Amino acid sequence: MFVATESSSTTTTTCSVIQWSPLGRHFEFGEILSATHNFDESLLIGHEGFGKVYKGNIDNGSALVVAAIKRLDAMSNQGESEFWAEVEMLSKLCHCHLVSLVGYCNHEKEMILV
């Protein structure tokens, strides 16, 4: 787990090597559309080989939190088996140098990581 605490003169960062956590949350496609304003290009924060990454606001039950939402491109070489392998791996792995997986959405041909 990544923990950062600040005092008046220094910042202390503690980083464990690996922490395992339960599977991420399953998001409904409507939640993803709402969070990204229907994948509005103004919210695009990156593009990689497997798809586009959008900035979105996810309701975690008590507040809206900003999240990176990766929508896999249907034309990429990443198929369903690779998607599920990535969901499984990222849901278990937690490290201070990695972005944590909040959850995923699989709706029809959509494969999305949050």
PDB file of N, CA and C in Angstrom:
ATOM      1  N   MET A   1       0.838  -1.164   0.000  1.00  0.00           N
ATOM      2  CA  MET A   1       0.000   0.000   0.000  1.00  0.00           C
ATOM      3  C   MET A   1       0.886   1.230   0.000  1.00  0.00           C
ATOM      4  N   PHE A   2       0.475   2.274  -0.699  1.00  0.00           N
ATOM      5  CA  PHE A   2       1.219   3.524  -0.782  1.00  0.00           C
ATOM      6  C   PHE A   2       0.672   4.487   0.245  1.00  0.00           C
ATOM      7  N   VAL A   3       1.526   4.987   1.101  1.00  0.00           N
ATOM      8  CA  VAL A   3       1.113   5.940   2.111  1.00  0.00           C
ATOM      9  C   VAL A   3       2.084   7.100   2.089  1.00  0.00           C
ATOM     10  N   ALA A   4       1.570   8.306   1.971  1.00  0.00           N
ATOM     11  CA  ALA A   4       2.423   9.487   2.023  1.00  0.00           C
ATOM     12  C   ALA A   4       1.925  10.388   3.135  1.00  0.00           C
ATOM     13  N   THR A   5       2.811  10.788   4.004  1.00  0.00           N
ATOM     14  CA  THR A   5       2.451  11.717   5.062  1.00  0.00           C
ATOM     15  C   THR A   5       3.413  12.887   5.000  1.00  0.00           C
ATOM     16  N   GLU A   6       2.903  14.066   5.298  1.00  0.00           N
ATOM     17  CA  GLU A   6       3.752  15.243   5.242  1.00  0.00           C
ATOM     18  C   GLU A   6       3.853  15.894   6.618  1.00  0.00           C
ATOM     19  N   SER A   7       5.040  16.347   6.944  1.00  0.00           N
ATOM     20  CA  SER A   7       5.233  17.187   8.114  1.00  0.00           C
ATOM     21  C   SER A   7       5.733  18.524   7.594  1.00  0.00           C
ATOM     22  N   SER A   8       6.047  19.419   8.477  1.00  0.00           N
ATOM     23  CA  SER A   8       6.444  20.758   8.040  1.00  0.00           C
ATOM     24  C   SER A   8       7.723  20.769   7.221  1.00  0.00           C
ATOM     25  N   SER A   9       8.623  19.793   7.412  1.00  0.00           N
ATOM     26  CA  SER A   9       9.894  19.857   6.702  1.00  0.00           C
ATOM     27  C   SER A   9      10.189  18.669   5.796  1.00  0.00           C
ATOM     28  N   THR A  10       9.495  17.554   5.981  1.00  0.00           N
ATOM     29  CA  THR A  10       9.812  16.384   5.166  1.00  0.00           C
ATOM     30  C   THR A  10       8.547  15.655   4.743  1.00  0.00           C
ATOM     31  N   THR A  11       8.704  14.850   3.723  1.00  0.00           N
ATOM     32  CA  THR A  11       7.638  13.960   3.285  1.00  0.00           C
ATOM     33  C   THR A  11       8.141  12.540   3.424  1.00  0.00           C
ATOM     34  N   THR A  12       7.357  11.695   4.070  1.00  0.00           N
ATOM     35  CA  THR A  12       7.721  10.306   4.252  1.00  0.00           C
ATOM     36  C   THR A  12       6.841   9.455   3.362  1.00  0.00           C
ATOM     37  N   THR A  13       7.458   8.581   2.611  1.00  0.00           N
ATOM     38  CA  THR A  13       6.711   7.691   1.736  1.00  0.00           C
ATOM     39  C   THR A  13       7.047   6.261   2.100  1.00  0.00           C
ATOM     40  N   THR A  14       6.016   5.467   2.316  1.00  0.00           N
ATOM     41  CA  THR A  14       6.190   4.063   2.618  1.00  0.00           C
ATOM     42  C   THR A  14       5.607   3.267   1.469  1.00  0.00           C
ATOM     43  N   CYS A  15       6.329   2.273   1.018  1.00  0.00           N
ATOM     44  CA  CYS A  15       5.863   1.499  -0.123  1.00  0.00           C
ATOM     45  C   CYS A  15       6.132   0.030   0.118  1.00  0.00           C
ATOM     46  N   SER A  16       5.081  -0.774   0.170  1.00  0.00           N
ATOM     47  CA  SER A  16       5.298  -2.214   0.262  1.00  0.00           C
ATOM     48  C   SER A  16       5.517  -2.750  -1.140  1.00  0.00           C
ATOM     49  N   VAL A  17       6.109  -3.888  -1.234  1.00  0.00           N
ATOM     50  CA  VAL A  17       6.408  -4.449  -2.540  1.00  0.00           C
ATOM     51  C   VAL A  17       5.128  -4.854  -3.260  1.00  0.00           C
ATOM     52  N   ILE A  18       4.300  -5.673  -2.655  1.00  0.00           N
ATOM     53  CA  ILE A  18       3.063  -6.125  -3.291  1.00  0.00           C
ATOM     54  C   ILE A  18       2.001  -6.284  -2.213  1.00  0.00           C
ATOM     55  N   GLN A  19       0.781  -5.864  -2.550  1.00  0.00           N
ATOM     56  CA  GLN A  19      -0.357  -6.106  -1.674  1.00  0.00           C
ATOM     57  C   GLN A  19      -1.485  -6.670  -2.524  1.00  0.00           C
ATOM     58  N   TRP A  20      -2.051  -7.777  -2.124  1.00  0.00           N
ATOM     59  CA  TRP A  20      -3.124  -8.411  -2.874  1.00  0.00           C
ATOM     60  C   TRP A  20      -4.459  -7.888  -2.369  1.00  0.00           C
ATOM     61  N   SER A  21      -5.390  -7.678  -3.284  1.00  0.00           N
ATOM     62  CA  SER A  21      -6.710  -7.183  -2.933  1.00  0.00           C
ATOM     63  C   SER A  21      -7.769  -7.975  -3.690  1.00  0.00           C
ATOM     64  N   PRO A  22      -9.054  -7.898  -3.264  1.00  0.00           N
ATOM     65  CA  PRO A  22     -10.101  -8.635  -3.965  1.00  0.00           C
ATOM     66  C   PRO A  22     -10.347  -8.071  -5.364  1.00  0.00           C
ATOM     67  N   LEU A  23     -11.107  -8.808  -6.167  1.00  0.00           N
ATOM     68  CA  LEU A  23     -11.431  -8.352  -7.521  1.00  0.00           C
ATOM     69  C   LEU A  23     -12.046  -6.963  -7.491  1.00  0.00           C
ATOM     70  N   GLY A  24     -11.805  -6.201  -8.539  1.00  0.00           N
ATOM     71  CA  GLY A  24     -12.348  -4.852  -8.642  1.00  0.00           C
ATOM     72  C   GLY A  24     -13.852  -4.849  -8.871  1.00  0.00           C
ATOM     73  N   ARG A  25     -14.404  -3.678  -8.834  1.00  0.00           N
ATOM     74  CA  ARG A  25     -15.842  -3.469  -8.990  1.00  0.00           C
ATOM     75  C   ARG A  25     -16.259  -3.627 -10.455  1.00  0.00           C
ATOM     76  N   HIS A  26     -17.411  -4.229 -10.675  1.00  0.00           N
ATOM     77  CA  HIS A  26     -17.983  -4.313 -12.019  1.00  0.00           C
ATOM     78  C   HIS A  26     -18.850  -3.077 -12.238  1.00  0.00           C
ATOM     79  N   PHE A  27     -18.493  -2.264 -13.235  1.00  0.00           N
ATOM     80  CA  PHE A  27     -19.243  -1.052 -13.566  1.00  0.00           C
ATOM     81  C   PHE A  27     -20.233  -1.349 -14.678  1.00  0.00           C
ATOM     82  N   GLU A  28     -21.411  -0.773 -14.578  1.00  0.00           N
ATOM     83  CA  GLU A  28     -22.377  -0.836 -15.667  1.00  0.00           C
ATOM     84  C   GLU A  28     -21.916   0.123 -16.760  1.00  0.00           C
ATOM     85  N   PHE A  29     -22.236  -0.196 -18.015  1.00  0.00           N
ATOM     86  CA  PHE A  29     -21.807   0.642 -19.128  1.00  0.00           C
ATOM     87  C   PHE A  29     -22.375   2.058 -18.990  1.00  0.00           C
ATOM     88  N   GLY A  30     -23.581   2.190 -18.495  1.00  0.00           N
ATOM     89  CA  GLY A  30     -24.189   3.507 -18.278  1.00  0.00           C
ATOM     90  C   GLY A  30     -23.382   4.368 -17.318  1.00  0.00           C
ATOM     91  N   GLU A  31     -22.801   3.751 -16.292  1.00  0.00           N
ATOM     92  CA  GLU A  31     -21.944   4.482 -15.348  1.00  0.00           C
ATOM     93  C   GLU A  31     -20.707   5.025 -16.056  1.00  0.00           C
ATOM     94  N   ILE A  32     -20.146   4.214 -16.956  1.00  0.00           N
ATOM     95  CA  ILE A  32     -18.955   4.631 -17.701  1.00  0.00           C
ATOM     96  C   ILE A  32     -19.307   5.772 -18.649  1.00  0.00           C
ATOM     97  N   LEU A  33     -20.432   5.647 -19.344  1.00  0.00           N
ATOM     98  CA  LEU A  33     -20.870   6.719 -20.248  1.00  0.00           C
ATOM     99  C   LEU A  33     -21.082   8.017 -19.485  1.00  0.00           C
ATOM    100  N   SER A  34     -21.689   7.928 -18.321  1.00  0.00           N
ATOM    101  CA  SER A  34     -21.913   9.118 -17.499  1.00  0.00           C
ATOM    102  C   SER A  34     -20.595   9.720 -17.011  1.00  0.00           C
ATOM    103  N   ALA A  35     -19.692   8.863 -16.566  1.00  0.00           N
ATOM    104  CA  ALA A  35     -18.408   9.320 -16.025  1.00  0.00           C
ATOM    105  C   ALA A  35     -17.556  10.025 -17.064  1.00  0.00           C
ATOM    106  N   THR A  36     -17.663   9.583 -18.319  1.00  0.00           N
ATOM    107  CA  THR A  36     -16.826  10.136 -19.391  1.00  0.00           C
ATOM    108  C   THR A  36     -17.595  11.077 -20.316  1.00  0.00           C
ATOM    109  N   HIS A  37     -18.830  11.394 -19.951  1.00  0.00           N
ATOM    110  CA  HIS A  37     -19.685  12.232 -20.803  1.00  0.00           C
ATOM    111  C   HIS A  37     -19.735  11.656 -22.213  1.00  0.00           C
ATOM    112  N   ASN A  38     -20.085  10.366 -22.280  1.00  0.00           N
ATOM    113  CA  ASN A  38     -20.163   9.635 -23.558  1.00  0.00           C
ATOM    114  C   ASN A  38     -18.831   9.624 -24.318  1.00  0.00           C
ATOM    115  N   PHE A  39     -17.751   9.429 -23.577  1.00  0.00           N
ATOM    116  CA  PHE A  39     -16.395   9.387 -24.145  1.00  0.00           C
ATOM    117  C   PHE A  39     -16.070  10.685 -24.898  1.00  0.00           C
ATOM    118  N   ASP A  40     -16.345  11.778 -24.224  1.00  0.00           N
ATOM    119  CA  ASP A  40     -16.072  13.112 -24.773  1.00  0.00           C
ATOM    120  C   ASP A  40     -14.573  13.263 -25.015  1.00  0.00           C
ATOM    121  N   GLU A  41     -14.209  13.653 -26.229  1.00  0.00           N
ATOM    122  CA  GLU A  41     -12.794  13.791 -26.601  1.00  0.00           C
ATOM    123  C   GLU A  41     -12.071  14.853 -25.762  1.00  0.00           C
ATOM    124  N   SER A  42     -12.806  15.798 -25.176  1.00  0.00           N
ATOM    125  CA  SER A  42     -12.158  16.803 -24.321  1.00  0.00           C
ATOM    126  C   SER A  42     -11.646  16.177 -23.019  1.00  0.00           C
ATOM    127  N   LEU A  43     -12.123  14.971 -22.691  1.00  0.00           N
ATOM    128  CA  LEU A  43     -11.677  14.274 -21.489  1.00  0.00           C
ATOM    129  C   LEU A  43     -10.596  13.228 -21.787  1.00  0.00           C
ATOM    130  N   LEU A  44     -10.156  13.170 -23.034  1.00  0.00           N
ATOM    131  CA  LEU A  44      -9.113  12.236 -23.435  1.00  0.00           C
ATOM    132  C   LEU A  44      -7.786  12.656 -22.805  1.00  0.00           C
ATOM    133  N   ILE A  45      -7.161  11.743 -22.069  1.00  0.00           N
ATOM    134  CA  ILE A  45      -5.879  12.068 -21.416  1.00  0.00           C
ATOM    135  C   ILE A  45      -4.725  11.234 -21.960  1.00  0.00           C
ATOM    136  N   GLY A  46      -5.026  10.276 -22.824  1.00  0.00           N
ATOM    137  CA  GLY A  46      -3.952   9.476 -23.389  1.00  0.00           C
ATOM    138  C   GLY A  46      -4.458   8.482 -24.399  1.00  0.00           C
ATOM    139  N   HIS A  47      -3.523   7.980 -25.179  1.00  0.00           N
ATOM    140  CA  HIS A  47      -3.844   6.956 -26.171  1.00  0.00           C
ATOM    141  C   HIS A  47      -2.682   6.002 -26.205  1.00  0.00           C
ATOM    142  N   GLU A  48      -2.992   4.731 -26.114  1.00  0.00           N
ATOM    143  CA  GLU A  48      -1.935   3.727 -26.158  1.00  0.00           C
ATOM    144  C   GLU A  48      -2.303   2.685 -27.188  1.00  0.00           C
ATOM    145  N   GLY A  49      -1.489   1.703 -27.335  1.00  0.00           N
ATOM    146  CA  GLY A  49      -1.704   0.687 -28.354  1.00  0.00           C
ATOM    147  C   GLY A  49      -3.032  -0.035 -28.248  1.00  0.00           C
ATOM    148  N   PHE A  50      -3.541  -0.202 -27.046  1.00  0.00           N
ATOM    149  CA  PHE A  50      -4.771  -0.958 -26.863  1.00  0.00           C
ATOM    150  C   PHE A  50      -6.015  -0.094 -26.767  1.00  0.00           C
ATOM    151  N   GLY A  51      -5.871   1.223 -26.741  1.00  0.00           N
ATOM    152  CA  GLY A  51      -7.066   2.058 -26.684  1.00  0.00           C
ATOM    153  C   GLY A  51      -6.812   3.421 -26.090  1.00  0.00           C
ATOM    154  N   LYS A  52      -7.909   4.142 -25.876  1.00  0.00           N
ATOM    155  CA  LYS A  52      -7.852   5.505 -25.361  1.00  0.00           C
ATOM    156  C   LYS A  52      -8.109   5.523 -23.858  1.00  0.00           C
ATOM    157  N   VAL A  53      -7.515   6.515 -23.179  1.00  0.00           N
ATOM    158  CA  VAL A  53      -7.705   6.689 -21.745  1.00  0.00           C
ATOM    159  C   VAL A  53      -8.378   8.035 -21.523  1.00  0.00           C
ATOM    160  N   TYR A  54      -9.472   8.004 -20.793  1.00  0.00           N
ATOM    161  CA  TYR A  54     -10.260   9.200 -20.509  1.00  0.00           C
ATOM    162  C   TYR A  54     -10.227   9.521 -19.023  1.00  0.00           C
ATOM    163  N   LYS A  55     -10.380  10.788 -18.708  1.00  0.00           N
ATOM    164  CA  LYS A  55     -10.567  11.226 -17.336  1.00  0.00           C
ATOM    165  C   LYS A  55     -12.058  11.136 -17.057  1.00  0.00           C
ATOM    166  N   GLY A  56     -12.416  10.528 -15.939  1.00  0.00           N
ATOM    167  CA  GLY A  56     -13.825  10.394 -15.598  1.00  0.00           C
ATOM    168  C   GLY A  56     -14.060  10.581 -14.120  1.00  0.00           C
ATOM    169  N   ASN A  57     -15.293  10.861 -13.778  1.00  0.00           N
ATOM    170  CA  ASN A  57     -15.700  10.998 -12.376  1.00  0.00           C
ATOM    171  C   ASN A  57     -16.585   9.817 -12.010  1.00  0.00           C
ATOM    172  N   ILE A  58     -16.094   8.991 -11.084  1.00  0.00           N
ATOM    173  CA  ILE A  58     -16.780   7.773 -10.665  1.00  0.00           C
ATOM    174  C   ILE A  58     -17.385   7.988  -9.284  1.00  0.00           C
ATOM    175  N   ASP A  59     -18.628   7.563  -9.119  1.00  0.00           N
ATOM    176  CA  ASP A  59     -19.294   7.621  -7.816  1.00  0.00           C
ATOM    177  C   ASP A  59     -18.872   6.398  -7.015  1.00  0.00           C
ATOM    178  N   ASN A  60     -18.181   6.638  -5.901  1.00  0.00           N
ATOM    179  CA  ASN A  60     -17.740   5.504  -5.080  1.00  0.00           C
ATOM    180  C   ASN A  60     -18.703   5.210  -3.929  1.00  0.00           C
ATOM    181  N   GLY A  61     -19.881   5.796  -3.977  1.00  0.00           N
ATOM    182  CA  GLY A  61     -20.882   5.566  -2.937  1.00  0.00           C
ATOM    183  C   GLY A  61     -21.021   6.716  -1.976  1.00  0.00           C
ATOM    184  N   SER A  62     -19.937   7.454  -1.774  1.00  0.00           N
ATOM    185  CA  SER A  62     -20.000   8.587  -0.859  1.00  0.00           C
ATOM    186  C   SER A  62     -19.539   9.890  -1.503  1.00  0.00           C
ATOM    187  N   ALA A  63     -18.832   9.786  -2.626  1.00  0.00           N
ATOM    188  CA  ALA A  63     -18.329  10.995  -3.300  1.00  0.00           C
ATOM    189  C   ALA A  63     -17.936  10.645  -4.734  1.00  0.00           C
ATOM    190  N   LEU A  64     -17.779  11.687  -5.541  1.00  0.00           N
ATOM    191  CA  LEU A  64     -17.239  11.492  -6.885  1.00  0.00           C
ATOM    192  C   LEU A  64     -15.721  11.511  -6.803  1.00  0.00           C
ATOM    193  N   VAL A  65     -15.085  10.554  -7.435  1.00  0.00           N
ATOM    194  CA  VAL A  65     -13.632  10.500  -7.460  1.00  0.00           C
ATOM    195  C   VAL A  65     -13.168  10.488  -8.905  1.00  0.00           C
ATOM    196  N   VAL A  66     -12.046  11.128  -9.170  1.00  0.00           N
ATOM    197  CA  VAL A  66     -11.483  11.183 -10.515  1.00  0.00           C
ATOM    198  C   VAL A  66     -10.760   9.868 -10.785  1.00  0.00           C
ATOM    199  N   ALA A  67     -10.997   9.321 -11.964  1.00  0.00           N
ATOM    200  CA  ALA A  67     -10.379   8.048 -12.329  1.00  0.00           C
ATOM    201  C   ALA A  67      -9.967   8.072 -13.790  1.00  0.00           C
ATOM    202  N   ALA A  68      -8.955   7.278 -14.110  1.00  0.00           N
ATOM    203  CA  ALA A  68      -8.568   7.050 -15.498  1.00  0.00           C
ATOM    204  C   ALA A  68      -9.396   5.874 -15.995  1.00  0.00           C
ATOM    205  N   ILE A  69     -10.029   6.047 -17.152  1.00  0.00           N
ATOM    206  CA  ILE A  69     -10.909   5.022 -17.707  1.00  0.00           C
ATOM    207  C   ILE A  69     -10.366   4.630 -19.077  1.00  0.00           C
ATOM    208  N   LYS A  70      -9.862   3.405 -19.164  1.00  0.00           N
ATOM    209  CA  LYS A  70      -9.239   2.924 -20.408  1.00  0.00           C
ATOM    210  C   LYS A  70     -10.243   2.099 -21.193  1.00  0.00           C
ATOM    211  N   ARG A  71     -10.588   2.614 -22.377  1.00  0.00           N
ATOM    212  CA  ARG A  71     -11.520   1.927 -23.273  1.00  0.00           C
ATOM    213  C   ARG A  71     -10.703   1.212 -24.340  1.00  0.00           C
ATOM    214  N   LEU A  72     -10.746  -0.100 -24.323  1.00  0.00           N
ATOM    215  CA  LEU A  72      -9.965  -0.863 -25.280  1.00  0.00           C
ATOM    216  C   LEU A  72     -10.555  -0.735 -26.673  1.00  0.00           C
ATOM    217  N   ASP A  73      -9.681  -0.514 -27.620  1.00  0.00           N
ATOM    218  CA  ASP A  73     -10.068  -0.369 -29.021  1.00  0.00           C
ATOM    219  C   ASP A  73     -10.411  -1.749 -29.586  1.00  0.00           C
ATOM    220  N   ALA A  74     -11.595  -1.856 -30.176  1.00  0.00           N
ATOM    221  CA  ALA A  74     -12.028  -3.128 -30.757  1.00  0.00           C
ATOM    222  C   ALA A  74     -11.092  -3.586 -31.868  1.00  0.00           C
ATOM    223  N   MET A  75     -10.355  -2.655 -32.463  1.00  0.00           N
ATOM    224  CA  MET A  75      -9.444  -2.996 -33.554  1.00  0.00           C
ATOM    225  C   MET A  75      -8.056  -3.400 -33.057  1.00  0.00           C
ATOM    226  N   SER A  76      -7.823  -3.341 -31.745  1.00  0.00           N
ATOM    227  CA  SER A  76      -6.509  -3.710 -31.218  1.00  0.00           C
ATOM    228  C   SER A  76      -6.357  -5.224 -31.241  1.00  0.00           C
ATOM    229  N   ASN A  77      -5.156  -5.667 -30.985  1.00  0.00           N
ATOM    230  CA  ASN A  77      -4.885  -7.104 -30.955  1.00  0.00           C
ATOM    231  C   ASN A  77      -5.260  -7.734 -29.627  1.00  0.00           C
ATOM    232  N   GLN A  78      -5.671  -6.914 -28.651  1.00  0.00           N
ATOM    233  CA  GLN A  78      -6.018  -7.461 -27.347  1.00  0.00           C
ATOM    234  C   GLN A  78      -7.434  -8.016 -27.403  1.00  0.00           C
ATOM    235  N   GLY A  79      -7.565  -9.297 -27.139  1.00  0.00           N
ATOM    236  CA  GLY A  79      -8.862  -9.941 -27.159  1.00  0.00           C
ATOM    237  C   GLY A  79      -9.432 -10.106 -25.768  1.00  0.00           C
ATOM    238  N   GLU A  80     -10.530 -10.827 -25.701  1.00  0.00           N
ATOM    239  CA  GLU A  80     -11.224 -11.012 -24.434  1.00  0.00           C
ATOM    240  C   GLU A  80     -10.377 -11.744 -23.405  1.00  0.00           C
ATOM    241  N   SER A  81      -9.632 -12.751 -23.831  1.00  0.00           N
ATOM    242  CA  SER A  81      -8.812 -13.492 -22.866  1.00  0.00           C
ATOM    243  C   SER A  81      -7.715 -12.614 -22.274  1.00  0.00           C
ATOM    244  N   GLU A  82      -7.109 -11.742 -23.095  1.00  0.00           N
ATOM    245  CA  GLU A  82      -6.086 -10.822 -22.593  1.00  0.00           C
ATOM    246  C   GLU A  82      -6.697  -9.784 -21.659  1.00  0.00           C
ATOM    247  N   PHE A  83      -7.917  -9.331 -21.992  1.00  0.00           N
ATOM    248  CA  PHE A  83      -8.619  -8.369 -21.131  1.00  0.00           C
ATOM    249  C   PHE A  83      -8.842  -8.967 -19.745  1.00  0.00           C
ATOM    250  N   TRP A  84      -9.378 -10.193 -19.686  1.00  0.00           N
ATOM    251  CA  TRP A  84      -9.657 -10.813 -18.395  1.00  0.00           C
ATOM    252  C   TRP A  84      -8.374 -11.110 -17.625  1.00  0.00           C
ATOM    253  N   ALA A  85      -7.307 -11.457 -18.325  1.00  0.00           N
ATOM    254  CA  ALA A  85      -6.025 -11.672 -17.655  1.00  0.00           C
ATOM    255  C   ALA A  85      -5.533 -10.368 -17.028  1.00  0.00           C
ATOM    256  N   GLU A  86      -5.711  -9.242 -17.751  1.00  0.00           N
ATOM    257  CA  GLU A  86      -5.297  -7.941 -17.211  1.00  0.00           C
ATOM    258  C   GLU A  86      -6.155  -7.542 -16.015  1.00  0.00           C
ATOM    259  N   VAL A  87      -7.472  -7.773 -16.091  1.00  0.00           N
ATOM    260  CA  VAL A  87      -8.354  -7.473 -14.959  1.00  0.00           C
ATOM    261  C   VAL A  87      -7.931  -8.278 -13.742  1.00  0.00           C
ATOM    262  N   GLU A  88      -7.703  -9.571 -13.933  1.00  0.00           N
ATOM    263  CA  GLU A  88      -7.326 -10.429 -12.816  1.00  0.00           C
ATOM    264  C   GLU A  88      -5.996 -10.016 -12.201  1.00  0.00           C
ATOM    265  N   MET A  89      -5.001  -9.761 -13.049  1.00  0.00           N
ATOM    266  CA  MET A  89      -3.688  -9.386 -12.537  1.00  0.00           C
ATOM    267  C   MET A  89      -3.742  -8.046 -11.805  1.00  0.00           C
ATOM    268  N   LEU A  90      -4.351  -7.036 -12.451  1.00  0.00           N
ATOM    269  CA  LEU A  90      -4.381  -5.705 -11.841  1.00  0.00           C
ATOM    270  C   LEU A  90      -5.245  -5.649 -10.594  1.00  0.00           C
ATOM    271  N   SER A  91      -6.264  -6.492 -10.505  1.00  0.00           N
ATOM    272  CA  SER A  91      -7.117  -6.492  -9.315  1.00  0.00           C
ATOM    273  C   SER A  91      -6.399  -7.070  -8.105  1.00  0.00           C
ATOM    274  N   LYS A  92      -5.379  -7.865  -8.346  1.00  0.00           N
ATOM    275  CA  LYS A  92      -4.634  -8.484  -7.254  1.00  0.00           C
ATOM    276  C   LYS A  92      -3.377  -7.716  -6.875  1.00  0.00           C
ATOM    277  N   LEU A  93      -2.861  -6.933  -7.789  1.00  0.00           N
ATOM    278  CA  LEU A  93      -1.577  -6.282  -7.590  1.00  0.00           C
ATOM    279  C   LEU A  93      -1.749  -4.838  -7.150  1.00  0.00           C
ATOM    280  N   CYS A  94      -1.044  -4.481  -6.108  1.00  0.00           N
ATOM    281  CA  CYS A  94      -1.056  -3.104  -5.632  1.00  0.00           C
ATOM    282  C   CYS A  94       0.385  -2.714  -5.312  1.00  0.00           C
ATOM    283  N   HIS A  95       0.852  -1.641  -5.920  1.00  0.00           N
ATOM    284  CA  HIS A  95       2.226  -1.197  -5.730  1.00  0.00           C
ATOM    285  C   HIS A  95       2.259   0.310  -5.864  1.00  0.00           C
ATOM    286  N   CYS A  96       3.152   0.941  -5.150  1.00  0.00           N
ATOM    287  CA  CYS A  96       3.191   2.402  -5.142  1.00  0.00           C
ATOM    288  C   CYS A  96       3.579   3.005  -6.489  1.00  0.00           C
ATOM    289  N   HIS A  97       4.126   2.214  -7.399  1.00  0.00           N
ATOM    290  CA  HIS A  97       4.494   2.725  -8.718  1.00  0.00           C
ATOM    291  C   HIS A  97       3.504   2.327  -9.811  1.00  0.00           C
ATOM    292  N   LEU A  98       2.375   1.741  -9.401  1.00  0.00           N
ATOM    293  CA  LEU A  98       1.341   1.330 -10.350  1.00  0.00           C
ATOM    294  C   LEU A  98       0.023   2.007 -10.006  1.00  0.00           C
ATOM    295  N   VAL A  99      -0.769   2.290 -11.019  1.00  0.00           N
ATOM    296  CA  VAL A  99      -2.110   2.797 -10.800  1.00  0.00           C
ATOM    297  C   VAL A  99      -2.978   1.609 -10.413  1.00  0.00           C
ATOM    298  N   SER A 100      -3.747   1.750  -9.352  1.00  0.00           N
ATOM    299  CA  SER A 100      -4.590   0.649  -8.886  1.00  0.00           C
ATOM    300  C   SER A 100      -5.826   0.494  -9.763  1.00  0.00           C
ATOM    301  N   LEU A 101      -6.241  -0.734  -9.957  1.00  0.00           N
ATOM    302  CA  LEU A 101      -7.470  -1.017 -10.679  1.00  0.00           C
ATOM    303  C   LEU A 101      -8.643  -0.815  -9.730  1.00  0.00           C
ATOM    304  N   VAL A 102      -9.593   0.035 -10.120  1.00  0.00           N
ATOM    305  CA  VAL A 102     -10.811   0.234  -9.340  1.00  0.00           C
ATOM    306  C   VAL A 102     -11.831  -0.813  -9.752  1.00  0.00           C
ATOM    307  N   GLY A 103     -11.910  -1.057 -11.059  1.00  0.00           N
ATOM    308  CA  GLY A 103     -12.864  -2.037 -11.551  1.00  0.00           C
ATOM    309  C   GLY A 103     -12.822  -2.135 -13.061  1.00  0.00           C
ATOM    310  N   TYR A 104     -13.857  -2.710 -13.625  1.00  0.00           N
ATOM    311  CA  TYR A 104     -13.910  -2.975 -15.059  1.00  0.00           C
ATOM    312  C   TYR A 104     -15.355  -2.920 -15.532  1.00  0.00           C
ATOM    313  N   CYS A 105     -15.513  -2.862 -16.842  1.00  0.00           N
ATOM    314  CA  CYS A 105     -16.823  -2.942 -17.469  1.00  0.00           C
ATOM    315  C   CYS A 105     -16.675  -3.793 -18.714  1.00  0.00           C
ATOM    316  N   ASN A 106     -17.511  -4.781 -18.848  1.00  0.00           N
ATOM    317  CA  ASN A 106     -17.579  -5.564 -20.083  1.00  0.00           C
ATOM    318  C   ASN A 106     -19.042  -5.593 -20.508  1.00  0.00           C
ATOM    319  N   HIS A 107     -19.314  -4.879 -21.570  1.00  0.00           N
ATOM    320  CA  HIS A 107     -20.682  -4.743 -22.065  1.00  0.00           C
ATOM    321  C   HIS A 107     -20.655  -4.962 -23.566  1.00  0.00           C
ATOM    322  N   GLU A 108     -21.327  -6.024 -24.017  1.00  0.00           N
ATOM    323  CA  GLU A 108     -21.303  -6.400 -25.423  1.00  0.00           C
ATOM    324  C   GLU A 108     -19.848  -6.478 -25.886  1.00  0.00           C
ATOM    325  N   LYS A 109     -19.405  -5.631 -26.804  1.00  0.00           N
ATOM    326  CA  LYS A 109     -18.011  -5.702 -27.277  1.00  0.00           C
ATOM    327  C   LYS A 109     -17.104  -4.712 -26.572  1.00  0.00           C
ATOM    328  N   GLU A 110     -17.639  -3.959 -25.597  1.00  0.00           N
ATOM    329  CA  GLU A 110     -16.843  -2.986 -24.850  1.00  0.00           C
ATOM    330  C   GLU A 110     -16.038  -3.697 -23.759  1.00  0.00           C
ATOM    331  N   MET A 111     -14.750  -3.332 -23.668  1.00  0.00           N
ATOM    332  CA  MET A 111     -13.877  -3.818 -22.608  1.00  0.00           C
ATOM    333  C   MET A 111     -13.188  -2.587 -22.024  1.00  0.00           C
ATOM    334  N   ILE A 112     -13.490  -2.282 -20.754  1.00  0.00           N
ATOM    335  CA  ILE A 112     -13.079  -1.021 -20.148  1.00  0.00           C
ATOM    336  C   ILE A 112     -12.472  -1.285 -18.781  1.00  0.00           C
ATOM    337  N   LEU A 113     -11.329  -0.644 -18.508  1.00  0.00           N
ATOM    338  CA  LEU A 113     -10.679  -0.705 -17.208  1.00  0.00           C
ATOM    339  C   LEU A 113     -10.813   0.641 -16.514  1.00  0.00           C
ATOM    340  N   VAL A 114     -11.078   0.626 -15.223  1.00  0.00           N
ATOM    341  CA  VAL A 114     -11.194   1.855 -14.433  1.00  0.00           C
ATOM    342  C   VAL A 114     -10.127   1.829 -13.353  1.00  0.00           C
TER     343      VAL A 114
END
